[in-house]
Amino acid sequence: MKINGLGPVDPVANYNKTSRSGKTAAKKTSDSISVSDEAMKTADLFAAAELVKSAPDVRLDRIAEIKAKLEDPNYINDRVVESVADSIMDAFGI
């Protein structure tokens, strides 16, 4: 049995044709966006988090201040020693 064809139907030709209307719509519009308040707050929080991440972990000004206090013989007394000891014990949960 032999099938010669189904007629003048060309399925590929239908995909290659583009329908063109005689009119061209030449509208020029400017693009715009609007950002919600929640998105603005989220962006601010993200910027703050990035700022904190980029900040140094060590504050050199505080280190210099503590070094100066430790060099002063009048600074180290029983009250300071007890305070430091209490802080260490609290940190370890003792």
C-alpha atoms as a PDB file:
ATOM      1  CA  MET A   1       0.000   0.000   0.000  1.00  0.00           C
ATOM      2  CA  LYS A   2       1.304   3.436  -0.873  1.00  0.00           C
ATOM      3  CA  ILE A   3       0.155   6.863   0.368  1.00  0.00           C
ATOM      4  CA  ASN A   4       1.147   9.589  -2.064  1.00  0.00           C
ATOM      5  CA  GLY A   5       0.122  12.589  -0.062  1.00  0.00           C
ATOM      6  CA  LEU A   6      -2.749  14.269   1.647  1.00  0.00           C
ATOM      7  CA  GLY A   7      -3.110  17.249  -0.609  1.00  0.00           C
ATOM      8  CA  PRO A   8      -1.675  20.744  -0.831  1.00  0.00           C
ATOM      9  CA  VAL A   9      -1.176  21.042   2.927  1.00  0.00           C
ATOM     10  CA  ASP A  10       2.356  22.070   3.919  1.00  0.00           C
ATOM     11  CA  PRO A  11       2.635  22.152   7.744  1.00  0.00           C
ATOM     12  CA  VAL A  12       6.063  23.856   7.716  1.00  0.00           C
ATOM     13  CA  ALA A  13       4.812  26.738   5.610  1.00  0.00           C
ATOM     14  CA  ASN A  14       2.272  27.670   8.282  1.00  0.00           C
ATOM     15  CA  TYR A  15       5.032  28.208  10.851  1.00  0.00           C
ATOM     16  CA  ASN A  16       7.147  30.327   8.522  1.00  0.00           C
ATOM     17  CA  LYS A  17       4.352  32.780   7.740  1.00  0.00           C
ATOM     18  CA  THR A  18       3.921  35.735  10.000  1.00  0.00           C
ATOM     19  CA  SER A  19       0.685  37.589  10.079  1.00  0.00           C
ATOM     20  CA  ARG A  20       1.187  41.251   9.498  1.00  0.00           C
ATOM     21  CA  SER A  21      -1.435  43.795   9.992  1.00  0.00           C
ATOM     22  CA  GLY A  22      -1.373  46.904   7.901  1.00  0.00           C
ATOM     23  CA  LYS A  23      -1.135  49.069  11.002  1.00  0.00           C
ATOM     24  CA  THR A  24       1.960  49.537  13.067  1.00  0.00           C
ATOM     25  CA  ALA A  25       1.500  50.677  16.581  1.00  0.00           C
ATOM     26  CA  ALA A  26       4.242  53.179  17.271  1.00  0.00           C
ATOM     27  CA  LYS A  27       3.628  54.035  20.894  1.00  0.00           C
ATOM     28  CA  LYS A  28       6.524  55.375  22.867  1.00  0.00           C
ATOM     29  CA  THR A  29       6.108  54.873  26.555  1.00  0.00           C
ATOM     30  CA  SER A  30       8.653  55.281  29.269  1.00  0.00           C
ATOM     31  CA  ASP A  31       9.308  52.417  31.621  1.00  0.00           C
ATOM     32  CA  SER A  32       8.824  52.933  35.305  1.00  0.00           C
ATOM     33  CA  ILE A  33       8.778  50.902  38.480  1.00  0.00           C
ATOM     34  CA  SER A  34       7.380  51.433  41.919  1.00  0.00           C
ATOM     35  CA  VAL A  35       8.927  49.989  45.051  1.00  0.00           C
ATOM     36  CA  SER A  36       6.813  49.169  48.077  1.00  0.00           C
ATOM     37  CA  ASP A  37       7.616  50.437  51.550  1.00  0.00           C
ATOM     38  CA  GLU A  38       8.311  46.889  52.686  1.00  0.00           C
ATOM     39  CA  ALA A  39      10.878  46.462  49.897  1.00  0.00           C
ATOM     40  CA  MET A  40      12.532  49.742  50.872  1.00  0.00           C
ATOM     41  CA  LYS A  41      12.779  48.616  54.505  1.00  0.00           C
ATOM     42  CA  THR A  42      14.207  45.272  53.426  1.00  0.00           C
ATOM     43  CA  ALA A  43      16.797  47.042  51.279  1.00  0.00           C
ATOM     44  CA  ASP A  44      17.759  49.270  54.221  1.00  0.00           C
ATOM     45  CA  LEU A  45      18.136  46.243  56.504  1.00  0.00           C
ATOM     46  CA  PHE A  46      20.260  44.480  53.888  1.00  0.00           C
ATOM     47  CA  ALA A  47      22.503  47.552  53.547  1.00  0.00           C
ATOM     48  CA  ALA A  48      22.878  47.758  57.330  1.00  0.00           C
ATOM     49  CA  ALA A  49      23.740  44.055  57.530  1.00  0.00           C
ATOM     50  CA  GLU A  50      26.387  44.473  54.835  1.00  0.00           C
ATOM     51  CA  LEU A  51      27.840  47.440  56.722  1.00  0.00           C
ATOM     52  CA  VAL A  52      28.069  45.389  59.918  1.00  0.00           C
ATOM     53  CA  LYS A  53      29.681  42.487  58.043  1.00  0.00           C
ATOM     54  CA  SER A  54      32.341  44.782  56.601  1.00  0.00           C
ATOM     55  CA  ALA A  55      33.150  46.388  59.977  1.00  0.00           C
ATOM     56  CA  PRO A  56      36.288  45.111  61.706  1.00  0.00           C
ATOM     57  CA  ASP A  57      35.810  42.686  64.581  1.00  0.00           C
ATOM     58  CA  VAL A  58      38.482  44.400  66.682  1.00  0.00           C
ATOM     59  CA  ARG A  59      38.026  47.959  67.912  1.00  0.00           C
ATOM     60  CA  LEU A  60      41.532  49.349  68.176  1.00  0.00           C
ATOM     61  CA  ASP A  61      40.389  52.423  70.095  1.00  0.00           C
ATOM     62  CA  ARG A  62      38.925  50.256  72.877  1.00  0.00           C
ATOM     63  CA  ILE A  63      42.084  48.115  72.994  1.00  0.00           C
ATOM     64  CA  ALA A  64      44.235  51.225  73.394  1.00  0.00           C
ATOM     65  CA  GLU A  65      41.932  52.489  76.157  1.00  0.00           C
ATOM     66  CA  ILE A  66      42.127  49.198  78.073  1.00  0.00           C
ATOM     67  CA  LYS A  67      45.909  48.999  77.667  1.00  0.00           C
ATOM     68  CA  ALA A  68      46.210  52.485  79.119  1.00  0.00           C
ATOM     69  CA  LYS A  69      44.025  51.523  82.079  1.00  0.00           C
ATOM     70  CA  LEU A  70      46.016  48.353  82.745  1.00  0.00           C
ATOM     71  CA  GLU A  71      49.295  50.271  82.754  1.00  0.00           C
ATOM     72  CA  ASP A  72      47.943  52.563  85.473  1.00  0.00           C
ATOM     73  CA  PRO A  73      48.781  50.908  88.829  1.00  0.00           C
ATOM     74  CA  ASN A  74      45.839  52.605  90.555  1.00  0.00           C
ATOM     75  CA  TYR A  75      43.327  50.999  88.170  1.00  0.00           C
ATOM     76  CA  ILE A  76      43.911  47.406  89.215  1.00  0.00           C
ATOM     77  CA  ASN A  77      42.331  47.044  92.643  1.00  0.00           C
ATOM     78  CA  ASP A  78      40.178  44.462  94.412  1.00  0.00           C
ATOM     79  CA  ARG A  79      36.941  45.854  92.965  1.00  0.00           C
ATOM     80  CA  VAL A  80      38.190  45.498  89.356  1.00  0.00           C
ATOM     81  CA  VAL A  81      39.580  42.008  89.986  1.00  0.00           C
ATOM     82  CA  GLU A  82      36.288  40.853  91.516  1.00  0.00           C
ATOM     83  CA  SER A  83      34.297  42.363  88.665  1.00  0.00           C
ATOM     84  CA  VAL A  84      36.426  40.599  86.053  1.00  0.00           C
ATOM     85  CA  ALA A  85      36.244  37.327  87.950  1.00  0.00           C
ATOM     86  CA  ASP A  86      32.447  37.590  88.198  1.00  0.00           C
ATOM     87  CA  SER A  87      32.205  38.297  84.458  1.00  0.00           C
ATOM     88  CA  ILE A  88      34.337  35.237  83.623  1.00  0.00           C
ATOM     89  CA  MET A  89      32.271  33.038  85.926  1.00  0.00           C
ATOM     90  CA  ASP A  90      29.022  34.316  84.379  1.00  0.00           C
ATOM     91  CA  ALA A  91      30.365  33.596  80.897  1.00  0.00           C
ATOM     92  CA  PHE A  92      31.047  29.984  81.859  1.00  0.00           C
ATOM     93  CA  GLY A  93      27.783  29.645  83.804  1.00  0.00           C
ATOM     94  CA  ILE A  94      29.477  29.062  87.129  1.00  0.00           C
END
